[in-house]
Amino acid sequence: PQNWSHKAEYRSDYAEMVKIFRDLPSKPKIFICRPCPVPEPGNYGINE
């Protein structure tokens, strides 16, 4: 909850990280992962 309150920034922050890696001299391919599922009721504040 304390982090997802900033969810409006998630896309732009992710796009910036992708750009940083893409701009490396090696010009890597980027693969992003759909996160692991979180069975109910979650844990550590992490939720599905």
All heavy atoms as atom14 arrays in JSON, in Angstrom:
{
  "sequence": "PQNWSHKAEYRSDYAEMVKIFRDLPSKPKIFICRPCPVPEPGNYGINE",
  "atom14_mask": [
    [1, 1, 1, 1, 1, 1, 1, 0, 0, 0, 0, 0, 0, 0],
    [1, 1, 1, 1, 1, 1, 1, 1, 1, 0, 0, 0, 0, 0],
    [1, 1, 1, 1, 1, 1, 1, 1, 0, 0, 0, 0, 0, 0],
    [1, 1, 1, 1, 1, 1, 1, 1, 1, 1, 1, 1, 1, 1],
    [1, 1, 1, 1, 1, 1, 0, 0, 0, 0, 0, 0, 0, 0],
    [1, 1, 1, 1, 1, 1, 1, 1, 1, 1, 0, 0, 0, 0],
    [1, 1, 1, 1, 1, 1, 1, 1, 1, 0, 0, 0, 0, 0],
    [1, 1, 1, 1, 1, 0, 0, 0, 0, 0, 0, 0, 0, 0],
    [1, 1, 1, 1, 1, 1, 1, 1, 1, 0, 0, 0, 0, 0],
    [1, 1, 1, 1, 1, 1, 1, 1, 1, 1, 1, 1, 0, 0],
    [1, 1, 1, 1, 1, 1, 1, 1, 1, 1, 1, 0, 0, 0],
    [1, 1, 1, 1, 1, 1, 0, 0, 0, 0, 0, 0, 0, 0],
    [1, 1, 1, 1, 1, 1, 1, 1, 0, 0, 0, 0, 0, 0],
    [1, 1, 1, 1, 1, 1, 1, 1, 1, 1, 1, 1, 0, 0],
    [1, 1, 1, 1, 1, 0, 0, 0, 0, 0, 0, 0, 0, 0],
    [1, 1, 1, 1, 1, 1, 1, 1, 1, 0, 0, 0, 0, 0],
    [1, 1, 1, 1, 1, 1, 1, 1, 0, 0, 0, 0, 0, 0],
    [1, 1, 1, 1, 1, 1, 1, 0, 0, 0, 0, 0, 0, 0],
    [1, 1, 1, 1, 1, 1, 1, 1, 1, 0, 0, 0, 0, 0],
    [1, 1, 1, 1, 1, 1, 1, 1, 0, 0, 0, 0, 0, 0],
    [1, 1, 1, 1, 1, 1, 1, 1, 1, 1, 1, 0, 0, 0],
    [1, 1, 1, 1, 1, 1, 1, 1, 1, 1, 1, 0, 0, 0],
    [1, 1, 1, 1, 1, 1, 1, 1, 0, 0, 0, 0, 0, 0],
    [1, 1, 1, 1, 1, 1, 1, 1, 0, 0, 0, 0, 0, 0],
    [1, 1, 1, 1, 1, 1, 1, 0, 0, 0, 0, 0, 0, 0],
    [1, 1, 1, 1, 1, 1, 0, 0, 0, 0, 0, 0, 0, 0],
    [1, 1, 1, 1, 1, 1, 1, 1, 1, 0, 0, 0, 0, 0],
    [1, 1, 1, 1, 1, 1, 1, 0, 0, 0, 0, 0, 0, 0],
    [1, 1, 1, 1, 1, 1, 1, 1, 1, 0, 0, 0, 0, 0],
    [1, 1, 1, 1, 1, 1, 1, 1, 0, 0, 0, 0, 0, 0],
    [1, 1, 1, 1, 1, 1, 1, 1, 1, 1, 1, 0, 0, 0],
    [1, 1, 1, 1, 1, 1, 1, 1, 0, 0, 0, 0, 0, 0],
    [1, 1, 1, 1, 1, 1, 0, 0, 0, 0, 0, 0, 0, 0],
    [1, 1, 1, 1, 1, 1, 1, 1, 1, 1, 1, 0, 0, 0],
    [1, 1, 1, 1, 1, 1, 1, 0, 0, 0, 0, 0, 0, 0],
    [1, 1, 1, 1, 1, 1, 0, 0, 0, 0, 0, 0, 0, 0],
    [1, 1, 1, 1, 1, 1, 1, 0, 0, 0, 0, 0, 0, 0],
    [1, 1, 1, 1, 1, 1, 1, 0, 0, 0, 0, 0, 0, 0],
    [1, 1, 1, 1, 1, 1, 1, 0, 0, 0, 0, 0, 0, 0],
    [1, 1, 1, 1, 1, 1, 1, 1, 1, 0, 0, 0, 0, 0],
    [1, 1, 1, 1, 1, 1, 1, 0, 0, 0, 0, 0, 0, 0],
    [1, 1, 1, 1, 0, 0, 0, 0, 0, 0, 0, 0, 0, 0],
    [1, 1, 1, 1, 1, 1, 1, 1, 0, 0, 0, 0, 0, 0],
    [1, 1, 1, 1, 1, 1, 1, 1, 1, 1, 1, 1, 0, 0],
    [1, 1, 1, 1, 0, 0, 0, 0, 0, 0, 0, 0, 0, 0],
    [1, 1, 1, 1, 1, 1, 1, 1, 0, 0, 0, 0, 0, 0],
    [1, 1, 1, 1, 1, 1, 1, 1, 0, 0, 0, 0, 0, 0],
    [1, 1, 1, 1, 1, 1, 1, 1, 1, 0, 0, 0, 0, 0]
  ],
  "atom14_positions": [
    [[0.81, -1.24, 0.0], [0.0, 0.0, 0.0], [0.83, 1.28, 0.0], [0.5, 2.23, -0.71], [-0.84, -0.14, 1.27], [-0.97, -1.62, 1.47], [0.33, -2.21, 1.01], [0.0, 0.0, 0.0], [0.0, 0.0, 0.0], [0.0, 0.0, 0.0], [0.0, 0.0, 0.0], [0.0, 0.0, 0.0], [0.0, 0.0, 0.0], [0.0, 0.0, 0.0]],
    [[1.91, 1.32, 0.78], [2.7, 2.55, 0.86], [3.41, 2.85, -0.46], [3.78, 3.99, -0.73], [3.73, 2.47, 2.01], [4.88, 1.49, 1.79], [4.57, 0.1, 2.32], [3.42, -0.32, 2.36], [5.61, -0.61, 2.75], [0.0, 0.0, 0.0], [0.0, 0.0, 0.0], [0.0, 0.0, 0.0], [0.0, 0.0, 0.0], [0.0, 0.0, 0.0]],
    [[3.6, 1.82, -1.29], [4.25, 2.02, -2.58], [3.24, 2.22, -3.71], [3.44, 3.08, -4.58], [5.14, 0.82, -2.89], [6.28, 0.66, -1.91], [6.84, 1.65, -1.44], [6.63, -0.57, -1.58], [0.0, 0.0, 0.0], [0.0, 0.0, 0.0], [0.0, 0.0, 0.0], [0.0, 0.0, 0.0], [0.0, 0.0, 0.0], [0.0, 0.0, 0.0]],
    [[2.17, 1.45, -3.7], [1.2, 1.51, -4.8], [0.4, 2.81, -4.79], [-0.29, 3.12, -5.75], [0.29, 0.29, -4.77], [-0.32, -0.06, -6.09], [-1.63, -0.31, -6.34], [0.36, -0.21, -7.35], [-1.83, -0.61, -7.66], [-0.62, -0.55, -8.31], [1.68, -0.07, -7.76], [-0.3, -0.77, -9.65], [1.99, -0.29, -9.08], [1.01, -0.62, -10.01]],
    [[0.55, 3.58, -3.73], [-0.05, 4.92, -3.73], [0.59, 5.79, -4.81], [0.04, 6.83, -5.19], [0.1, 5.58, -2.36], [1.47, 5.74, -2.03], [0.0, 0.0, 0.0], [0.0, 0.0, 0.0], [0.0, 0.0, 0.0], [0.0, 0.0, 0.0], [0.0, 0.0, 0.0], [0.0, 0.0, 0.0], [0.0, 0.0, 0.0], [0.0, 0.0, 0.0]],
    [[1.75, 5.36, -5.32], [2.44, 6.08, -6.4], [2.26, 5.36, -7.74], [3.07, 5.54, -8.66], [3.94, 6.18, -6.08], [4.25, 6.86, -4.8], [4.14, 8.22, -4.63], [4.66, 6.36, -3.6], [4.48, 8.54, -3.39], [4.8, 7.42, -2.74], [0.0, 0.0, 0.0], [0.0, 0.0, 0.0], [0.0, 0.0, 0.0], [0.0, 0.0, 0.0]],
    [[1.21, 4.56, -7.88], [1.07, 3.72, -9.06], [0.98, 4.52, -10.36], [1.3, 4.0, -11.44], [-0.13, 2.79, -8.93], [-1.49, 3.49, -8.87], [-2.59, 2.46, -8.71], [-3.97, 3.11, -8.62], [-5.03, 2.08, -8.44], [0.0, 0.0, 0.0], [0.0, 0.0, 0.0], [0.0, 0.0, 0.0], [0.0, 0.0, 0.0], [0.0, 0.0, 0.0]],
    [[0.57, 5.77, -10.27], [0.5, 6.6, -11.47], [1.89, 6.79, -12.1], [2.0, 7.12, -13.28], [-0.11, 7.96, -11.15], [0.0, 0.0, 0.0], [0.0, 0.0, 0.0], [0.0, 0.0, 0.0], [0.0, 0.0, 0.0], [0.0, 0.0, 0.0], [0.0, 0.0, 0.0], [0.0, 0.0, 0.0], [0.0, 0.0, 0.0], [0.0, 0.0, 0.0]],
    [[2.94, 6.55, -11.32], [4.31, 6.72, -11.81], [4.93, 5.4, -12.28], [6.06, 5.39, -12.79], [5.18, 7.31, -10.68], [4.64, 8.64, -10.16], [5.2, 8.99, -8.79], [6.22, 8.39, -8.38], [4.6, 9.84, -8.11], [0.0, 0.0, 0.0], [0.0, 0.0, 0.0], [0.0, 0.0, 0.0], [0.0, 0.0, 0.0], [0.0, 0.0, 0.0]],
    [[4.21, 4.3, -12.11], [4.78, 2.98, -12.39], [5.19, 2.85, -13.86], [6.29, 2.4, -14.18], [3.78, 1.9, -12.01], [4.3, 0.48, -12.11], [5.2, -0.03, -11.18], [3.88, -0.36, -13.14], [5.67, -1.32, -11.26], [4.35, -1.67, -13.23], [5.24, -2.14, -12.29], [5.69, -3.43, -12.39], [0.0, 0.0, 0.0], [0.0, 0.0, 0.0]],
    [[4.31, 3.25, -14.75], [4.58, 3.12, -16.18], [5.78, 3.98, -16.61], [6.69, 3.52, -17.3], [3.34, 3.51, -16.99], [3.54, 3.4, -18.5], [2.37, 4.03, -19.24], [2.6, 4.0, -20.67], [2.14, 3.08, -21.5], [1.39, 2.1, -21.03], [2.42, 3.14, -22.79], [0.0, 0.0, 0.0], [0.0, 0.0, 0.0], [0.0, 0.0, 0.0]],
    [[5.79, 5.23, -16.18], [6.87, 6.13, -16.6], [8.21, 5.7, -16.01], [9.25, 5.77, -16.67], [6.55, 7.57, -16.23], [6.37, 7.7, -14.82], [0.0, 0.0, 0.0], [0.0, 0.0, 0.0], [0.0, 0.0, 0.0], [0.0, 0.0, 0.0], [0.0, 0.0, 0.0], [0.0, 0.0, 0.0], [0.0, 0.0, 0.0], [0.0, 0.0, 0.0]],
    [[8.2, 5.24, -14.75], [9.45, 4.76, -14.14], [9.96, 3.52, -14.85], [11.16, 3.36, -15.1], [9.23, 4.47, -12.65], [9.12, 5.74, -11.81], [9.32, 6.84, -12.36], [8.83, 5.62, -10.6], [0.0, 0.0, 0.0], [0.0, 0.0, 0.0], [0.0, 0.0, 0.0], [0.0, 0.0, 0.0], [0.0, 0.0, 0.0], [0.0, 0.0, 0.0]],
    [[9.03, 2.63, -15.2], [9.43, 1.41, -15.91], [10.02, 1.76, -17.28], [11.07, 1.23, -17.7], [8.23, 0.48, -16.08], [8.56, -0.99, -15.92], [7.92, -1.78, -14.98], [9.52, -1.6, -16.72], [8.22, -3.12, -14.83], [9.84, -2.94, -16.58], [9.18, -3.7, -15.64], [9.48, -5.03, -15.49], [0.0, 0.0, 0.0], [0.0, 0.0, 0.0]],
    [[9.35, 2.68, -17.98], [9.83, 3.08, -19.31], [11.22, 3.7, -19.22], [12.08, 3.49, -20.1], [8.85, 4.06, -19.93], [0.0, 0.0, 0.0], [0.0, 0.0, 0.0], [0.0, 0.0, 0.0], [0.0, 0.0, 0.0], [0.0, 0.0, 0.0], [0.0, 0.0, 0.0], [0.0, 0.0, 0.0], [0.0, 0.0, 0.0], [0.0, 0.0, 0.0]],
    [[11.47, 4.45, -18.15], [12.8, 5.06, -18.0], [13.87, 4.01, -17.76], [14.97, 4.09, -18.31], [12.77, 6.05, -16.83], [14.09, 6.8, -16.66], [14.05, 7.83, -15.55], [12.94, 8.18, -15.08], [15.15, 8.27, -15.15], [0.0, 0.0, 0.0], [0.0, 0.0, 0.0], [0.0, 0.0, 0.0], [0.0, 0.0, 0.0], [0.0, 0.0, 0.0]],
    [[13.53, 2.99, -16.95], [14.51, 1.92, -16.72], [14.81, 1.17, -18.01], [15.96, 0.85, -18.31], [14.02, 0.94, -15.64], [15.02, -0.16, -15.33], [14.56, -1.21, -13.94], [14.88, -0.1, -12.55], [0.0, 0.0, 0.0], [0.0, 0.0, 0.0], [0.0, 0.0, 0.0], [0.0, 0.0, 0.0], [0.0, 0.0, 0.0], [0.0, 0.0, 0.0]],
    [[13.78, 0.91, -18.78], [13.97, 0.24, -20.07], [14.91, 1.06, -20.96], [15.82, 0.54, -21.59], [12.62, 0.01, -20.77], [12.83, -0.38, -22.23], [11.81, -1.05, -20.03], [0.0, 0.0, 0.0], [0.0, 0.0, 0.0], [0.0, 0.0, 0.0], [0.0, 0.0, 0.0], [0.0, 0.0, 0.0], [0.0, 0.0, 0.0], [0.0, 0.0, 0.0]],
    [[14.69, 2.36, -20.99], [15.53, 3.23, -21.83], [16.98, 3.2, -21.38], [17.9, 3.18, -22.22], [14.99, 4.66, -21.8], [15.76, 5.61, -22.74], [15.19, 7.01, -22.71], [15.85, 7.9, -23.77], [17.32, 7.94, -23.64], [0.0, 0.0, 0.0], [0.0, 0.0, 0.0], [0.0, 0.0, 0.0], [0.0, 0.0, 0.0], [0.0, 0.0, 0.0]],
    [[17.2, 3.22, -20.08], [18.58, 3.19, -19.57], [19.3, 1.94, -20.06], [20.45, 2.0, -20.51], [18.57, 3.28, -18.03], [18.19, 4.7, -17.58], [19.93, 2.88, -17.46], [17.96, 4.84, -16.1], [0.0, 0.0, 0.0], [0.0, 0.0, 0.0], [0.0, 0.0, 0.0], [0.0, 0.0, 0.0], [0.0, 0.0, 0.0], [0.0, 0.0, 0.0]],
    [[18.62, 0.81, -19.97], [19.25, -0.43, -20.43], [19.4, -0.44, -21.95], [20.43, -0.87, -22.48], [18.46, -1.64, -19.95], [18.71, -2.01, -18.51], [17.71, -1.96, -17.56], [19.98, -2.4, -18.11], [17.95, -2.3, -16.24], [20.24, -2.74, -16.78], [19.21, -2.69, -15.85], [0.0, 0.0, 0.0], [0.0, 0.0, 0.0], [0.0, 0.0, 0.0]],
    [[18.4, 0.03, -22.65], [18.47, 0.02, -24.11], [19.59, 0.91, -24.65], [20.13, 0.67, -25.73], [17.13, 0.46, -24.7], [16.17, -0.69, -24.91], [15.02, -0.29, -25.77], [14.3, -1.46, -26.23], [13.05, -1.44, -26.67], [12.38, -0.3, -26.7], [12.46, -2.54, -27.09], [0.0, 0.0, 0.0], [0.0, 0.0, 0.0], [0.0, 0.0, 0.0]],
    [[19.93, 1.94, -23.9], [20.95, 2.87, -24.36], [22.37, 2.4, -24.05], [23.34, 3.1, -24.36], [20.73, 4.25, -23.72], [19.52, 4.97, -24.32], [19.05, 4.55, -25.39], [19.04, 5.94, -23.69], [0.0, 0.0, 0.0], [0.0, 0.0, 0.0], [0.0, 0.0, 0.0], [0.0, 0.0, 0.0], [0.0, 0.0, 0.0], [0.0, 0.0, 0.0]],
    [[22.52, 1.23, -23.44], [23.85, 0.71, -23.17], [24.58, 0.41, -24.48], [23.95, 0.17, -25.52], [23.76, -0.57, -22.34], [23.24, -0.42, -20.91], [23.07, -1.79, -20.26], [24.17, 0.44, -20.07], [0.0, 0.0, 0.0], [0.0, 0.0, 0.0], [0.0, 0.0, 0.0], [0.0, 0.0, 0.0], [0.0, 0.0, 0.0], [0.0, 0.0, 0.0]],
    [[25.91, 0.42, -24.47], [26.66, 0.14, -25.7], [26.29, -1.19, -26.35], [26.36, -1.33, -27.57], [28.12, 0.14, -25.22], [28.12, 1.01, -24.01], [26.8, 0.8, -23.35], [0.0, 0.0, 0.0], [0.0, 0.0, 0.0], [0.0, 0.0, 0.0], [0.0, 0.0, 0.0], [0.0, 0.0, 0.0], [0.0, 0.0, 0.0], [0.0, 0.0, 0.0]],
    [[25.89, -2.18, -25.53], [25.56, -3.51, -26.07], [24.18, -3.56, -26.72], [23.84, -4.55, -27.37], [25.61, -4.56, -24.96], [24.74, -4.19, -23.89], [0.0, 0.0, 0.0], [0.0, 0.0, 0.0], [0.0, 0.0, 0.0], [0.0, 0.0, 0.0], [0.0, 0.0, 0.0], [0.0, 0.0, 0.0], [0.0, 0.0, 0.0], [0.0, 0.0, 0.0]],
    [[23.36, -2.49, -26.53], [22.02, -2.42, -27.12], [21.22, -3.71, -26.86], [20.78, -4.41, -27.77], [22.09, -2.16, -28.63], [22.85, -0.9, -29.01], [22.19, 0.35, -28.43], [22.96, 1.6, -28.8], [22.4, 2.82, -28.13], [0.0, 0.0, 0.0], [0.0, 0.0, 0.0], [0.0, 0.0, 0.0], [0.0, 0.0, 0.0], [0.0, 0.0, 0.0]],
    [[21.0, -4.05, -25.61], [20.38, -5.34, -25.3], [18.89, -5.38, -25.64], [18.21, -4.36, -25.67], [20.56, -5.44, -23.78], [20.59, -4.02, -23.31], [21.31, -3.26, -24.4], [0.0, 0.0, 0.0], [0.0, 0.0, 0.0], [0.0, 0.0, 0.0], [0.0, 0.0, 0.0], [0.0, 0.0, 0.0], [0.0, 0.0, 0.0], [0.0, 0.0, 0.0]],
    [[18.42, -6.59, -25.88], [16.99, -6.82, -25.95], [16.44, -6.8, -24.52], [17.1, -7.26, -23.59], [16.69, -8.17, -26.61], [17.01, -8.2, -28.1], [16.51, -9.49, -28.74], [16.73, -9.47, -30.24], [16.16, -10.68, -30.91], [0.0, 0.0, 0.0], [0.0, 0.0, 0.0], [0.0, 0.0, 0.0], [0.0, 0.0, 0.0], [0.0, 0.0, 0.0]],
    [[15.22, -6.28, -24.39], [14.62, -6.15, -23.07], [13.4, -7.05, -22.97], [12.49, -6.99, -23.81], [14.21, -4.69, -22.77], [15.36, -3.72, -23.09], [13.76, -4.55, -21.32], [16.59, -3.9, -22.25], [0.0, 0.0, 0.0], [0.0, 0.0, 0.0], [0.0, 0.0, 0.0], [0.0, 0.0, 0.0], [0.0, 0.0, 0.0], [0.0, 0.0, 0.0]],
    [[13.37, -7.85, -21.91], [12.22, -8.69, -21.6], [11.71, -8.28, -20.22], [12.48, -8.19, -19.26], [12.62, -10.17, -21.57], [13.07, -10.71, -22.89], [14.36, -10.49, -23.35], [12.2, -11.43, -23.69], [14.8, -10.99, -24.56], [12.62, -11.94, -24.92], [13.92, -11.71, -25.36], [0.0, 0.0, 0.0], [0.0, 0.0, 0.0], [0.0, 0.0, 0.0]],
    [[10.41, -8.01, -20.13], [9.82, -7.67, -18.84], [8.88, -8.79, -18.42], [8.26, -9.45, -19.26], [9.08, -6.31, -18.89], [7.93, -6.33, -19.89], [10.07, -5.19, -19.22], [7.12, -5.04, -19.9], [0.0, 0.0, 0.0], [0.0, 0.0, 0.0], [0.0, 0.0, 0.0], [0.0, 0.0, 0.0], [0.0, 0.0, 0.0], [0.0, 0.0, 0.0]],
    [[8.82, -9.02, -17.12], [8.07, -10.16, -16.59], [6.76, -9.73, -15.95], [6.74, -8.79, -15.14], [8.89, -10.9, -15.55], [10.41, -11.63, -16.19], [0.0, 0.0, 0.0], [0.0, 0.0, 0.0], [0.0, 0.0, 0.0], [0.0, 0.0, 0.0], [0.0, 0.0, 0.0], [0.0, 0.0, 0.0], [0.0, 0.0, 0.0], [0.0, 0.0, 0.0]],
    [[5.7, -10.43, -16.31], [4.5, -10.35, -15.49], [4.84, -10.98, -14.15], [5.3, -12.12, -14.09], [3.35, -11.11, -16.14], [2.8, -10.47, -17.42], [1.74, -11.35, -18.02], [1.07, -10.72, -19.15], [0.18, -11.34, -19.92], [-0.13, -12.61, -19.68], [-0.4, -10.71, -20.92], [0.0, 0.0, 0.0], [0.0, 0.0, 0.0], [0.0, 0.0, 0.0]],
    [[4.62, -10.27, -13.03], [5.12, -10.76, -11.73], [4.5, -12.08, -11.31], [3.46, -12.51, -11.82], [4.74, -9.63, -10.76], [4.56, -8.42, -11.62], [4.03, -8.93, -12.93], [0.0, 0.0, 0.0], [0.0, 0.0, 0.0], [0.0, 0.0, 0.0], [0.0, 0.0, 0.0], [0.0, 0.0, 0.0], [0.0, 0.0, 0.0], [0.0, 0.0, 0.0]],
    [[5.14, -12.71, -10.33], [4.61, -13.93, -9.73], [3.21, -13.68, -9.18], [2.92, -12.59, -8.66], [5.5, -14.4, -8.59], [7.09, -15.04, -9.09], [0.0, 0.0, 0.0], [0.0, 0.0, 0.0], [0.0, 0.0, 0.0], [0.0, 0.0, 0.0], [0.0, 0.0, 0.0], [0.0, 0.0, 0.0], [0.0, 0.0, 0.0], [0.0, 0.0, 0.0]],
    [[2.33, -14.68, -9.23], [1.03, -14.54, -8.58], [1.21, -14.47, -7.06], [2.22, -14.93, -6.52], [0.29, -15.8, -9.0], [1.37, -16.79, -9.28], [2.51, -15.99, -9.85], [0.0, 0.0, 0.0], [0.0, 0.0, 0.0], [0.0, 0.0, 0.0], [0.0, 0.0, 0.0], [0.0, 0.0, 0.0], [0.0, 0.0, 0.0], [0.0, 0.0, 0.0]],
    [[0.23, -13.89, -6.39], [0.26, -13.77, -4.93], [-1.01, -14.42, -4.39], [-2.07, -13.79, -4.35], [0.34, -12.29, -4.49], [0.44, -12.2, -2.97], [1.52, -11.58, -5.15], [0.0, 0.0, 0.0], [0.0, 0.0, 0.0], [0.0, 0.0, 0.0], [0.0, 0.0, 0.0], [0.0, 0.0, 0.0], [0.0, 0.0, 0.0], [0.0, 0.0, 0.0]],
    [[-0.94, -15.7, -4.01], [-2.13, -16.37, -3.48], [-2.71, -15.62, -2.29], [-1.96, -15.06, -1.46], [-1.6, -17.75, -3.08], [-0.38, -17.95, -3.92], [0.23, -16.59, -4.07], [0.0, 0.0, 0.0], [0.0, 0.0, 0.0], [0.0, 0.0, 0.0], [0.0, 0.0, 0.0], [0.0, 0.0, 0.0], [0.0, 0.0, 0.0], [0.0, 0.0, 0.0]],
    [[-4.03, -15.63, -2.2], [-4.69, -14.94, -1.09], [-4.31, -15.59, 0.23], [-4.13, -16.81, 0.3], [-6.21, -14.97, -1.28], [-6.69, -14.17, -2.5], [-6.37, -12.69, -2.39], [-6.17, -12.21, -1.25], [-6.31, -12.02, -3.43], [0.0, 0.0, 0.0], [0.0, 0.0, 0.0], [0.0, 0.0, 0.0], [0.0, 0.0, 0.0], [0.0, 0.0, 0.0]],
    [[-4.13, -14.82, 1.31], [-4.39, -13.37, 1.4], [-3.15, -12.51, 1.17], [-3.08, -11.38, 1.64], [-4.86, -13.24, 2.84], [-4.04, -14.26, 3.59], [-3.89, -15.42, 2.65], [0.0, 0.0, 0.0], [0.0, 0.0, 0.0], [0.0, 0.0, 0.0], [0.0, 0.0, 0.0], [0.0, 0.0, 0.0], [0.0, 0.0, 0.0], [0.0, 0.0, 0.0]],
    [[-2.15, -13.01, 0.45], [-0.92, -12.26, 0.26], [-0.03, -12.33, 1.48], [-0.27, -13.09, 2.42], [0.0, 0.0, 0.0], [0.0, 0.0, 0.0], [0.0, 0.0, 0.0], [0.0, 0.0, 0.0], [0.0, 0.0, 0.0], [0.0, 0.0, 0.0], [0.0, 0.0, 0.0], [0.0, 0.0, 0.0], [0.0, 0.0, 0.0], [0.0, 0.0, 0.0]],
    [[1.01, -11.53, 1.5], [1.95, -11.52, 2.62], [2.82, -10.28, 2.52], [3.02, -9.74, 1.43], [2.83, -12.77, 2.61], [3.36, -13.15, 3.98], [3.21, -12.4, 4.94], [3.94, -14.33, 4.07], [0.0, 0.0, 0.0], [0.0, 0.0, 0.0], [0.0, 0.0, 0.0], [0.0, 0.0, 0.0], [0.0, 0.0, 0.0], [0.0, 0.0, 0.0]],
    [[3.31, -9.81, 3.65], [4.22, -8.66, 3.72], [3.6, -7.39, 3.12], [4.31, -6.45, 2.78], [5.54, -8.94, 2.99], [6.15, -10.28, 3.25], [6.23, -11.23, 2.24], [6.66, -10.61, 4.51], [6.8, -12.48, 2.47], [7.23, -11.86, 4.75], [7.3, -12.79, 3.73], [7.85, -14.02, 3.96], [0.0, 0.0, 0.0], [0.0, 0.0, 0.0]],
    [[2.27, -7.36, 2.99], [1.61, -6.23, 2.34], [1.53, -6.37, 0.83], [0.91, -5.55, 0.14], [0.0, 0.0, 0.0], [0.0, 0.0, 0.0], [0.0, 0.0, 0.0], [0.0, 0.0, 0.0], [0.0, 0.0, 0.0], [0.0, 0.0, 0.0], [0.0, 0.0, 0.0], [0.0, 0.0, 0.0], [0.0, 0.0, 0.0], [0.0, 0.0, 0.0]],
    [[2.15, -7.41, 0.28], [2.12, -7.69, -1.16], [0.79, -8.36, -1.49], [0.32, -9.23, -0.76], [3.32, -8.58, -1.54], [4.63, -7.82, -1.29], [3.23, -9.06, -2.97], [5.86, -8.7, -1.29], [0.0, 0.0, 0.0], [0.0, 0.0, 0.0], [0.0, 0.0, 0.0], [0.0, 0.0, 0.0], [0.0, 0.0, 0.0], [0.0, 0.0, 0.0]],
    [[0.18, -7.99, -2.62], [-1.16, -8.48, -2.89], [-1.39, -8.71, -4.38], [-0.77, -8.08, -5.24], [-2.21, -7.51, -2.34], [-2.08, -6.14, -2.96], [-2.65, -5.85, -4.0], [-1.29, -5.25, -2.3], [0.0, 0.0, 0.0], [0.0, 0.0, 0.0], [0.0, 0.0, 0.0], [0.0, 0.0, 0.0], [0.0, 0.0, 0.0], [0.0, 0.0, 0.0]],
    [[-2.32, -9.63, -4.69], [-2.62, -10.02, -6.05], [-3.33, -8.92, -6.83], [-3.13, -8.77, -8.04], [-3.46, -11.3, -6.06], [-3.88, -11.78, -7.42], [-2.74, -12.38, -8.25], [-1.57, -12.33, -7.8], [-3.01, -12.88, -9.35], [0.0, 0.0, 0.0], [0.0, 0.0, 0.0], [0.0, 0.0, 0.0], [0.0, 0.0, 0.0], [0.0, 0.0, 0.0]]
  ]
}
